[in-house]
């Protein structure tokens, strides 16, 4: 079986839909949202990496927190993928697709101690949040208030989880 690789820059596959957004804008949104989908898939698995491997005195609190963040991000993955399909696009959310596109830094498998996980998770959430806010602006520029609203919801949730995580490292010593 011959292995084929899709050029990430080529126009995404689009299905016909009665959605009134012009096809050119829907195509741009599809590309944009598939980028965010890759980031979200990566983020979800990074949260699981932290959840599975955290050690130290705050183990149970962080173990449970990272699992809750992962569950929330799983919802974001689904929301983003479903919006892509609603606009006639194809949600490209396999692990290999995500790995090839993600803008998040690699999560180190060397991390074990709780505070190191807190720092790594906070960086991942912060990077994801920054990309999400950029996506809101881009969706608005493409005259798609619904996609901008979806990403506004994701942004609010991401900021909340960042707050929960950072609270573990912000106490005065």
N, C-alpha and C. Protein backbone atom coordinates (compact mmCIF):
# COMPACT_ATOMS: atom_id res chain seq x y z
N UNK A 1 0.84 -1.18 0.00
CA UNK A 1 0.00 0.00 0.00
C UNK A 1 0.88 1.24 0.00
N UNK A 2 0.65 2.12 -0.92
CA UNK A 2 1.45 3.34 -1.04
C UNK A 2 0.99 4.36 -0.01
N UNK A 3 1.95 4.93 0.70
CA UNK A 3 1.66 5.95 1.70
C UNK A 3 1.64 7.31 1.01
N UNK A 4 0.57 8.07 1.22
CA UNK A 4 0.49 9.40 0.64
C UNK A 4 0.50 10.43 1.75
N UNK A 5 1.10 11.55 1.46
CA UNK A 5 1.16 12.64 2.43
C UNK A 5 0.47 13.85 1.82
N UNK A 6 -0.48 14.39 2.55
CA UNK A 6 -1.19 15.58 2.09
C UNK A 6 -0.36 16.81 2.41
N UNK A 7 -0.19 17.66 1.44
CA UNK A 7 0.49 18.93 1.65
C UNK A 7 -0.43 19.79 2.52
N UNK A 8 0.09 20.22 3.67
CA UNK A 8 -0.73 20.99 4.60
C UNK A 8 -1.16 22.34 4.04
N UNK A 9 -0.46 22.82 3.01
CA UNK A 9 -0.80 24.12 2.43
C UNK A 9 -1.87 24.02 1.35
N UNK A 10 -2.14 22.82 0.86
CA UNK A 10 -3.12 22.72 -0.22
C UNK A 10 -4.53 22.96 0.30
N UNK A 11 -5.43 23.33 -0.60
CA UNK A 11 -6.80 23.66 -0.22
C UNK A 11 -7.47 22.44 0.42
N UNK A 12 -8.16 22.67 1.53
CA UNK A 12 -8.82 21.56 2.21
C UNK A 12 -10.05 21.06 1.43
N UNK A 13 -10.36 19.80 1.63
CA UNK A 13 -11.56 19.21 1.04
C UNK A 13 -12.78 19.90 1.63
N UNK A 14 -13.72 20.29 0.77
CA UNK A 14 -14.93 20.95 1.23
C UNK A 14 -16.14 20.26 0.61
N UNK A 15 -17.16 20.07 1.40
CA UNK A 15 -18.43 19.52 0.93
C UNK A 15 -19.41 20.66 0.70
N UNK A 16 -20.34 20.42 -0.18
CA UNK A 16 -21.39 21.41 -0.44
C UNK A 16 -22.29 21.51 0.80
N UNK A 17 -22.73 22.72 1.07
CA UNK A 17 -23.63 22.96 2.18
C UNK A 17 -24.49 24.17 1.85
N UNK A 18 -25.63 24.25 2.49
CA UNK A 18 -26.50 25.41 2.33
C UNK A 18 -26.10 26.54 3.27
N UNK A 19 -25.06 26.35 4.06
CA UNK A 19 -24.57 27.41 4.93
C UNK A 19 -24.27 28.63 4.07
N UNK A 20 -24.71 29.81 4.51
CA UNK A 20 -24.60 31.00 3.66
C UNK A 20 -23.24 31.69 3.68
N UNK A 21 -22.30 31.20 4.46
CA UNK A 21 -20.95 31.77 4.38
C UNK A 21 -20.34 31.37 3.03
N UNK A 22 -19.69 32.29 2.35
CA UNK A 22 -19.10 31.96 1.05
C UNK A 22 -18.09 30.82 1.18
N UNK A 23 -18.01 30.01 0.14
CA UNK A 23 -17.12 28.85 0.16
C UNK A 23 -15.67 29.25 0.40
N UNK A 24 -15.25 30.37 -0.15
CA UNK A 24 -13.86 30.79 0.05
C UNK A 24 -13.59 31.06 1.53
N UNK A 25 -14.54 31.68 2.21
CA UNK A 25 -14.37 31.95 3.64
C UNK A 25 -14.46 30.66 4.45
N UNK A 26 -15.39 29.79 4.05
CA UNK A 26 -15.49 28.51 4.76
C UNK A 26 -14.20 27.70 4.60
N UNK A 27 -13.59 27.76 3.44
CA UNK A 27 -12.34 27.06 3.21
C UNK A 27 -11.22 27.63 4.09
N UNK A 28 -11.13 28.94 4.20
CA UNK A 28 -10.14 29.56 5.07
C UNK A 28 -10.39 29.19 6.54
N UNK A 29 -11.66 29.21 6.92
CA UNK A 29 -12.02 28.83 8.29
C UNK A 29 -11.67 27.37 8.56
N UNK A 30 -11.89 26.51 7.57
CA UNK A 30 -11.57 25.09 7.71
C UNK A 30 -10.08 24.92 8.00
N UNK A 31 -9.24 25.60 7.23
CA UNK A 31 -7.80 25.51 7.44
C UNK A 31 -7.42 26.02 8.83
N UNK A 32 -7.97 27.16 9.20
CA UNK A 32 -7.71 27.76 10.50
C UNK A 32 -8.15 26.84 11.64
N UNK A 33 -9.36 26.32 11.54
CA UNK A 33 -9.88 25.48 12.62
C UNK A 33 -9.16 24.14 12.70
N UNK A 34 -8.72 23.60 11.57
CA UNK A 34 -7.94 22.36 11.63
C UNK A 34 -6.60 22.58 12.32
N UNK A 35 -6.04 23.78 12.20
CA UNK A 35 -4.82 24.10 12.95
C UNK A 35 -5.11 24.10 14.44
N UNK A 36 -6.21 24.73 14.84
CA UNK A 36 -6.58 24.75 16.25
C UNK A 36 -6.97 23.36 16.74
N UNK A 37 -7.58 22.55 15.87
CA UNK A 37 -7.91 21.18 16.24
C UNK A 37 -6.64 20.40 16.55
N UNK A 38 -5.61 20.58 15.76
CA UNK A 38 -4.33 19.90 16.02
C UNK A 38 -3.78 20.33 17.38
N UNK A 39 -3.83 21.63 17.65
CA UNK A 39 -3.34 22.12 18.94
C UNK A 39 -4.15 21.53 20.09
N UNK A 40 -5.47 21.45 19.92
CA UNK A 40 -6.34 20.94 20.97
C UNK A 40 -6.11 19.45 21.22
N UNK A 41 -5.95 18.68 20.16
CA UNK A 41 -5.66 17.25 20.32
C UNK A 41 -4.34 17.08 21.07
N UNK A 42 -3.32 17.84 20.68
CA UNK A 42 -2.03 17.79 21.36
C UNK A 42 -2.19 18.19 22.83
N UNK A 43 -2.90 19.28 23.08
CA UNK A 43 -3.10 19.74 24.46
C UNK A 43 -3.79 18.68 25.30
N UNK A 44 -4.81 18.06 24.76
CA UNK A 44 -5.53 17.03 25.51
C UNK A 44 -4.58 15.92 25.93
N UNK A 45 -3.75 15.48 25.01
CA UNK A 45 -2.83 14.38 25.33
C UNK A 45 -1.70 14.83 26.24
N UNK A 46 -1.30 16.10 26.15
CA UNK A 46 -0.31 16.61 27.09
C UNK A 46 -0.88 16.62 28.51
N UNK A 47 -2.16 16.93 28.64
CA UNK A 47 -2.79 16.92 29.96
C UNK A 47 -2.83 15.50 30.52
N UNK A 48 -3.07 14.53 29.64
CA UNK A 48 -3.05 13.13 30.07
C UNK A 48 -1.63 12.71 30.47
N UNK A 49 -0.63 13.18 29.73
CA UNK A 49 0.76 12.89 30.08
C UNK A 49 1.06 13.39 31.50
N UNK A 50 0.64 14.61 31.81
CA UNK A 50 0.83 15.15 33.15
C UNK A 50 0.04 14.35 34.18
N UNK A 51 -1.20 14.04 33.87
CA UNK A 51 -2.08 13.28 34.76
C UNK A 51 -1.48 11.92 35.12
N UNK A 52 -0.97 11.23 34.13
CA UNK A 52 -0.44 9.88 34.36
C UNK A 52 0.88 9.90 35.13
N UNK A 53 1.67 10.93 34.98
CA UNK A 53 3.06 10.89 35.44
C UNK A 53 3.40 11.81 36.60
N UNK A 54 2.44 12.55 37.12
CA UNK A 54 2.74 13.47 38.22
C UNK A 54 3.11 12.68 39.48
N UNK A 55 4.08 13.23 40.22
CA UNK A 55 4.55 12.62 41.47
C UNK A 55 4.73 13.74 42.50
N UNK A 56 4.78 13.37 43.76
CA UNK A 56 5.11 14.33 44.81
C UNK A 56 3.98 14.56 45.78
N UNK A 57 4.20 15.49 46.72
CA UNK A 57 3.24 15.72 47.81
C UNK A 57 1.85 16.16 47.35
N UNK A 58 1.78 16.82 46.21
CA UNK A 58 0.48 17.29 45.70
C UNK A 58 -0.09 16.33 44.66
N UNK A 59 0.36 15.09 44.69
CA UNK A 59 -0.02 14.12 43.66
C UNK A 59 -1.52 14.09 43.41
N UNK A 60 -2.33 13.81 44.41
CA UNK A 60 -3.76 13.57 44.16
C UNK A 60 -4.44 14.82 43.63
N UNK A 61 -4.12 15.98 44.20
CA UNK A 61 -4.74 17.22 43.73
C UNK A 61 -4.39 17.49 42.26
N UNK A 62 -3.11 17.34 41.91
CA UNK A 62 -2.69 17.60 40.53
C UNK A 62 -3.17 16.50 39.58
N UNK A 63 -3.12 15.27 40.03
CA UNK A 63 -3.61 14.15 39.22
C UNK A 63 -5.06 14.39 38.81
N UNK A 64 -5.88 14.77 39.78
CA UNK A 64 -7.30 15.03 39.50
C UNK A 64 -7.49 16.30 38.67
N UNK A 65 -6.72 17.35 38.95
CA UNK A 65 -6.83 18.59 38.19
C UNK A 65 -6.46 18.36 36.73
N UNK A 66 -5.35 17.71 36.46
CA UNK A 66 -4.93 17.48 35.08
C UNK A 66 -5.94 16.63 34.33
N UNK A 67 -6.59 15.71 35.02
CA UNK A 67 -7.63 14.89 34.38
C UNK A 67 -8.84 15.76 34.02
N UNK A 68 -9.21 16.67 34.90
CA UNK A 68 -10.34 17.57 34.61
C UNK A 68 -10.01 18.49 33.44
N UNK A 69 -8.78 18.98 33.39
CA UNK A 69 -8.38 19.83 32.26
C UNK A 69 -8.46 19.01 30.97
N UNK A 70 -7.97 17.78 31.00
CA UNK A 70 -8.03 16.92 29.82
C UNK A 70 -9.46 16.71 29.35
N UNK A 71 -10.37 16.49 30.29
CA UNK A 71 -11.79 16.30 29.92
C UNK A 71 -12.36 17.56 29.28
N UNK A 72 -12.02 18.72 29.82
CA UNK A 72 -12.51 19.97 29.24
C UNK A 72 -11.95 20.16 27.83
N UNK A 73 -10.67 19.89 27.66
CA UNK A 73 -10.06 20.05 26.34
C UNK A 73 -10.65 19.04 25.36
N UNK A 74 -11.00 17.85 25.83
CA UNK A 74 -11.68 16.88 24.96
C UNK A 74 -12.97 17.48 24.41
N UNK A 75 -13.70 18.22 25.25
CA UNK A 75 -14.91 18.91 24.78
C UNK A 75 -14.57 19.96 23.72
N UNK A 76 -13.46 20.68 23.92
CA UNK A 76 -13.04 21.68 22.93
C UNK A 76 -12.70 21.01 21.60
N UNK A 77 -12.02 19.88 21.68
CA UNK A 77 -11.68 19.13 20.46
C UNK A 77 -12.96 18.82 19.69
N UNK A 78 -13.95 18.33 20.38
CA UNK A 78 -15.21 17.94 19.73
C UNK A 78 -15.93 19.16 19.16
N UNK A 79 -15.96 20.26 19.91
CA UNK A 79 -16.61 21.48 19.43
C UNK A 79 -15.95 22.00 18.16
N UNK A 80 -14.64 22.03 18.15
CA UNK A 80 -13.90 22.54 16.99
C UNK A 80 -14.12 21.63 15.79
N UNK A 81 -14.00 20.32 16.00
CA UNK A 81 -14.18 19.37 14.90
C UNK A 81 -15.59 19.46 14.32
N UNK A 82 -16.58 19.56 15.18
CA UNK A 82 -17.96 19.63 14.69
C UNK A 82 -18.21 20.94 13.94
N UNK A 83 -17.59 22.03 14.36
CA UNK A 83 -17.76 23.30 13.63
C UNK A 83 -17.13 23.20 12.24
N UNK A 84 -16.00 22.55 12.13
CA UNK A 84 -15.37 22.35 10.83
C UNK A 84 -16.34 21.64 9.89
N UNK A 85 -16.94 20.58 10.38
CA UNK A 85 -17.85 19.78 9.55
C UNK A 85 -19.14 20.55 9.25
N UNK A 86 -19.62 21.36 10.19
CA UNK A 86 -20.81 22.17 9.94
C UNK A 86 -20.62 23.11 8.76
N UNK A 87 -19.40 23.55 8.57
CA UNK A 87 -19.11 24.48 7.47
C UNK A 87 -18.70 23.77 6.19
N UNK A 88 -18.87 22.44 6.16
CA UNK A 88 -18.59 21.68 4.94
C UNK A 88 -17.17 21.16 4.86
N UNK A 89 -16.40 21.33 5.91
CA UNK A 89 -15.02 20.88 5.92
C UNK A 89 -14.87 19.46 6.44
N UNK A 90 -13.64 19.02 6.48
CA UNK A 90 -13.29 17.71 7.03
C UNK A 90 -12.42 17.95 8.26
N UNK A 91 -12.85 17.44 9.38
CA UNK A 91 -12.07 17.55 10.61
C UNK A 91 -10.90 16.58 10.51
N UNK A 92 -9.69 17.13 10.57
CA UNK A 92 -8.48 16.33 10.43
C UNK A 92 -7.82 16.18 11.80
N UNK A 93 -8.32 15.21 12.57
CA UNK A 93 -7.94 15.12 13.97
C UNK A 93 -7.22 13.86 14.39
N UNK A 94 -6.56 13.19 13.46
CA UNK A 94 -5.81 12.01 13.90
C UNK A 94 -4.55 12.45 14.64
N UNK A 95 -3.96 11.54 15.37
CA UNK A 95 -2.73 11.83 16.11
C UNK A 95 -1.63 12.28 15.15
N UNK A 96 -1.49 11.60 14.03
CA UNK A 96 -0.44 11.95 13.08
C UNK A 96 -0.66 13.33 12.49
N UNK A 97 -1.93 13.65 12.19
CA UNK A 97 -2.23 14.98 11.66
C UNK A 97 -1.93 16.05 12.71
N UNK A 98 -2.34 15.79 13.94
CA UNK A 98 -2.10 16.74 15.02
C UNK A 98 -0.60 16.93 15.25
N UNK A 99 0.14 15.85 15.27
CA UNK A 99 1.58 15.94 15.52
C UNK A 99 2.29 16.76 14.44
N UNK A 100 1.80 16.67 13.22
CA UNK A 100 2.41 17.41 12.14
C UNK A 100 2.07 18.89 12.12
N UNK A 101 1.04 19.29 12.85
CA UNK A 101 0.56 20.68 12.78
C UNK A 101 0.65 21.46 14.08
N UNK A 102 0.69 20.78 15.19
CA UNK A 102 0.57 21.48 16.47
C UNK A 102 1.59 22.59 16.64
N UNK A 103 1.15 23.64 17.30
CA UNK A 103 2.05 24.76 17.60
C UNK A 103 2.50 24.73 19.05
N UNK A 104 2.07 23.72 19.78
CA UNK A 104 2.50 23.60 21.17
C UNK A 104 3.89 22.97 21.24
N UNK A 105 4.66 23.38 22.23
CA UNK A 105 5.97 22.77 22.44
C UNK A 105 5.78 21.32 22.89
N UNK A 106 6.76 20.50 22.58
CA UNK A 106 6.75 19.09 22.99
C UNK A 106 6.71 19.01 24.51
N UNK A 107 5.91 18.11 25.04
CA UNK A 107 5.82 17.91 26.48
C UNK A 107 6.90 16.90 26.88
N UNK A 108 7.76 17.30 27.78
CA UNK A 108 8.90 16.45 28.13
C UNK A 108 8.47 15.21 28.92
N UNK A 109 8.90 14.04 28.47
CA UNK A 109 8.60 12.82 29.23
C UNK A 109 9.47 12.70 30.48
N UNK A 110 10.42 13.60 30.65
CA UNK A 110 11.33 13.58 31.80
C UNK A 110 10.70 14.18 33.05
N UNK A 111 9.60 14.90 32.88
CA UNK A 111 8.97 15.58 34.02
C UNK A 111 8.28 14.56 34.91
N UNK A 112 8.50 14.69 36.22
CA UNK A 112 7.76 13.83 37.16
C UNK A 112 7.23 14.63 38.34
N UNK A 113 8.01 15.57 38.86
CA UNK A 113 7.65 16.31 40.05
C UNK A 113 6.49 17.27 39.77
N UNK A 114 5.60 17.39 40.73
CA UNK A 114 4.38 18.17 40.58
C UNK A 114 4.58 19.59 40.10
N UNK A 115 5.52 20.35 40.70
CA UNK A 115 5.69 21.74 40.30
C UNK A 115 6.21 21.86 38.86
N UNK A 116 7.01 20.91 38.44
CA UNK A 116 7.49 20.92 37.05
C UNK A 116 6.33 20.68 36.09
N UNK A 117 5.42 19.79 36.46
CA UNK A 117 4.22 19.58 35.64
C UNK A 117 3.35 20.83 35.62
N UNK A 118 3.21 21.48 36.76
CA UNK A 118 2.41 22.71 36.83
C UNK A 118 2.98 23.73 35.85
N UNK A 119 4.29 23.91 35.83
CA UNK A 119 4.92 24.87 34.92
C UNK A 119 4.70 24.47 33.46
N UNK A 120 4.88 23.19 33.15
CA UNK A 120 4.72 22.72 31.77
C UNK A 120 3.27 22.83 31.31
N UNK A 121 2.35 22.46 32.16
CA UNK A 121 0.92 22.54 31.83
C UNK A 121 0.51 24.00 31.64
N UNK A 122 1.00 24.88 32.53
CA UNK A 122 0.68 26.31 32.41
C UNK A 122 1.20 26.86 31.08
N UNK A 123 2.40 26.48 30.67
CA UNK A 123 2.94 26.95 29.39
C UNK A 123 2.09 26.45 28.23
N UNK A 124 1.68 25.19 28.28
CA UNK A 124 0.86 24.63 27.20
C UNK A 124 -0.49 25.33 27.13
N UNK A 125 -1.12 25.55 28.28
CA UNK A 125 -2.42 26.24 28.30
C UNK A 125 -2.28 27.68 27.83
N UNK A 126 -1.21 28.33 28.23
CA UNK A 126 -0.98 29.71 27.81
C UNK A 126 -0.79 29.82 26.30
N UNK A 127 0.02 28.93 25.74
CA UNK A 127 0.24 28.92 24.29
C UNK A 127 -1.07 28.65 23.56
N UNK A 128 -1.82 27.67 24.02
CA UNK A 128 -3.11 27.34 23.42
C UNK A 128 -4.05 28.54 23.49
N UNK A 129 -4.10 29.19 24.66
CA UNK A 129 -4.97 30.36 24.83
C UNK A 129 -4.61 31.48 23.86
N UNK A 130 -3.33 31.72 23.69
CA UNK A 130 -2.88 32.77 22.76
C UNK A 130 -3.33 32.45 21.34
N UNK A 131 -3.17 31.19 20.91
CA UNK A 131 -3.59 30.78 19.56
C UNK A 131 -5.11 30.89 19.40
N UNK A 132 -5.83 30.55 20.45
CA UNK A 132 -7.30 30.63 20.41
C UNK A 132 -7.75 32.08 20.25
N UNK A 133 -7.14 33.01 21.00
CA UNK A 133 -7.51 34.41 20.87
C UNK A 133 -7.21 34.95 19.47
N UNK A 134 -6.13 34.50 18.89
CA UNK A 134 -5.83 34.89 17.51
C UNK A 134 -6.89 34.35 16.55
N UNK A 135 -7.37 33.15 16.82
CA UNK A 135 -8.40 32.54 15.99
C UNK A 135 -9.72 33.31 16.08
N UNK A 136 -10.03 33.84 17.25
CA UNK A 136 -11.23 34.67 17.40
C UNK A 136 -11.15 35.86 16.45
N UNK A 137 -10.01 36.53 16.46
CA UNK A 137 -9.82 37.69 15.58
C UNK A 137 -9.92 37.29 14.11
N UNK A 138 -9.31 36.18 13.75
CA UNK A 138 -9.34 35.73 12.36
C UNK A 138 -10.75 35.33 11.92
N UNK A 139 -11.50 34.67 12.80
CA UNK A 139 -12.88 34.29 12.48
C UNK A 139 -13.74 35.55 12.30
N UNK A 140 -13.53 36.54 13.14
CA UNK A 140 -14.26 37.80 12.99
C UNK A 140 -13.91 38.47 11.67
N UNK A 141 -12.64 38.45 11.28
CA UNK A 141 -12.21 39.05 10.02
C UNK A 141 -12.84 38.33 8.82
N UNK A 142 -13.19 37.05 9.01
CA UNK A 142 -13.84 36.27 7.95
C UNK A 142 -15.36 36.33 8.07
N UNK A 143 -15.87 37.24 8.90
CA UNK A 143 -17.30 37.47 9.07
C UNK A 143 -18.05 36.24 9.58
N UNK A 144 -17.40 35.47 10.46
CA UNK A 144 -18.05 34.30 11.03
C UNK A 144 -18.15 34.47 12.55
N UNK A 145 -19.22 35.13 12.97
CA UNK A 145 -19.45 35.39 14.39
C UNK A 145 -19.64 34.11 15.18
N UNK A 146 -20.22 33.08 14.55
CA UNK A 146 -20.47 31.83 15.26
C UNK A 146 -19.16 31.12 15.62
N UNK A 147 -18.23 31.08 14.67
CA UNK A 147 -16.93 30.46 14.96
C UNK A 147 -16.17 31.30 15.98
N UNK A 148 -16.23 32.62 15.85
CA UNK A 148 -15.58 33.49 16.83
C UNK A 148 -16.17 33.24 18.22
N UNK A 149 -17.49 33.08 18.30
CA UNK A 149 -18.15 32.81 19.58
C UNK A 149 -17.71 31.47 20.16
N UNK A 150 -17.61 30.46 19.33
CA UNK A 150 -17.15 29.14 19.79
C UNK A 150 -15.76 29.27 20.40
N UNK A 151 -14.87 29.96 19.70
CA UNK A 151 -13.51 30.11 20.21
C UNK A 151 -13.44 31.04 21.41
N UNK A 152 -14.39 31.96 21.55
CA UNK A 152 -14.47 32.78 22.76
C UNK A 152 -14.80 31.89 23.95
N UNK A 153 -15.72 30.95 23.76
CA UNK A 153 -16.04 29.99 24.82
C UNK A 153 -14.82 29.16 25.19
N UNK A 154 -14.09 28.68 24.18
CA UNK A 154 -12.88 27.89 24.43
C UNK A 154 -11.84 28.75 25.16
N UNK A 155 -11.71 30.01 24.78
CA UNK A 155 -10.75 30.91 25.42
C UNK A 155 -11.09 31.11 26.90
N UNK A 156 -12.36 31.33 27.19
CA UNK A 156 -12.77 31.51 28.59
C UNK A 156 -12.43 30.27 29.41
N UNK A 157 -12.74 29.11 28.86
CA UNK A 157 -12.45 27.86 29.56
C UNK A 157 -10.95 27.64 29.75
N UNK A 158 -10.19 27.93 28.72
CA UNK A 158 -8.74 27.76 28.80
C UNK A 158 -8.14 28.68 29.86
N UNK A 159 -8.60 29.92 29.89
CA UNK A 159 -8.12 30.86 30.91
C UNK A 159 -8.49 30.38 32.32
N UNK A 160 -9.67 29.80 32.47
CA UNK A 160 -10.07 29.28 33.79
C UNK A 160 -9.13 28.16 34.22
N UNK A 161 -8.84 27.23 33.29
CA UNK A 161 -7.96 26.11 33.64
C UNK A 161 -6.54 26.59 33.92
N UNK A 162 -6.10 27.59 33.18
CA UNK A 162 -4.77 28.17 33.43
C UNK A 162 -4.73 28.75 34.85
N UNK A 163 -5.77 29.43 35.24
CA UNK A 163 -5.85 29.98 36.59
C UNK A 163 -5.77 28.86 37.63
N UNK A 164 -6.56 27.78 37.44
CA UNK A 164 -6.55 26.67 38.38
C UNK A 164 -5.16 26.06 38.50
N UNK A 165 -4.48 25.91 37.38
CA UNK A 165 -3.14 25.30 37.38
C UNK A 165 -2.12 26.25 38.02
N UNK A 166 -2.14 27.52 37.59
CA UNK A 166 -1.16 28.46 38.12
C UNK A 166 -1.33 28.72 39.61
N UNK A 167 -2.52 28.54 40.13
CA UNK A 167 -2.75 28.73 41.56
C UNK A 167 -1.86 27.82 42.39
N UNK A 168 -1.39 26.73 41.81
CA UNK A 168 -0.51 25.79 42.52
C UNK A 168 0.92 26.32 42.64
N UNK A 169 1.24 27.38 41.93
CA UNK A 169 2.61 27.90 41.99
C UNK A 169 2.67 29.38 42.38
N UNK A 170 1.54 29.99 42.68
CA UNK A 170 1.52 31.42 42.92
C UNK A 170 1.51 31.82 44.40
N UNK A 171 1.46 30.87 45.30
CA UNK A 171 1.44 31.21 46.72
C UNK A 171 2.74 31.88 47.13
N UNK A 172 2.63 32.87 48.00
CA UNK A 172 3.84 33.52 48.51
C UNK A 172 4.57 32.55 49.41
N UNK A 173 5.89 32.59 49.30
CA UNK A 173 6.71 31.65 50.11
C UNK A 173 7.31 32.33 51.30
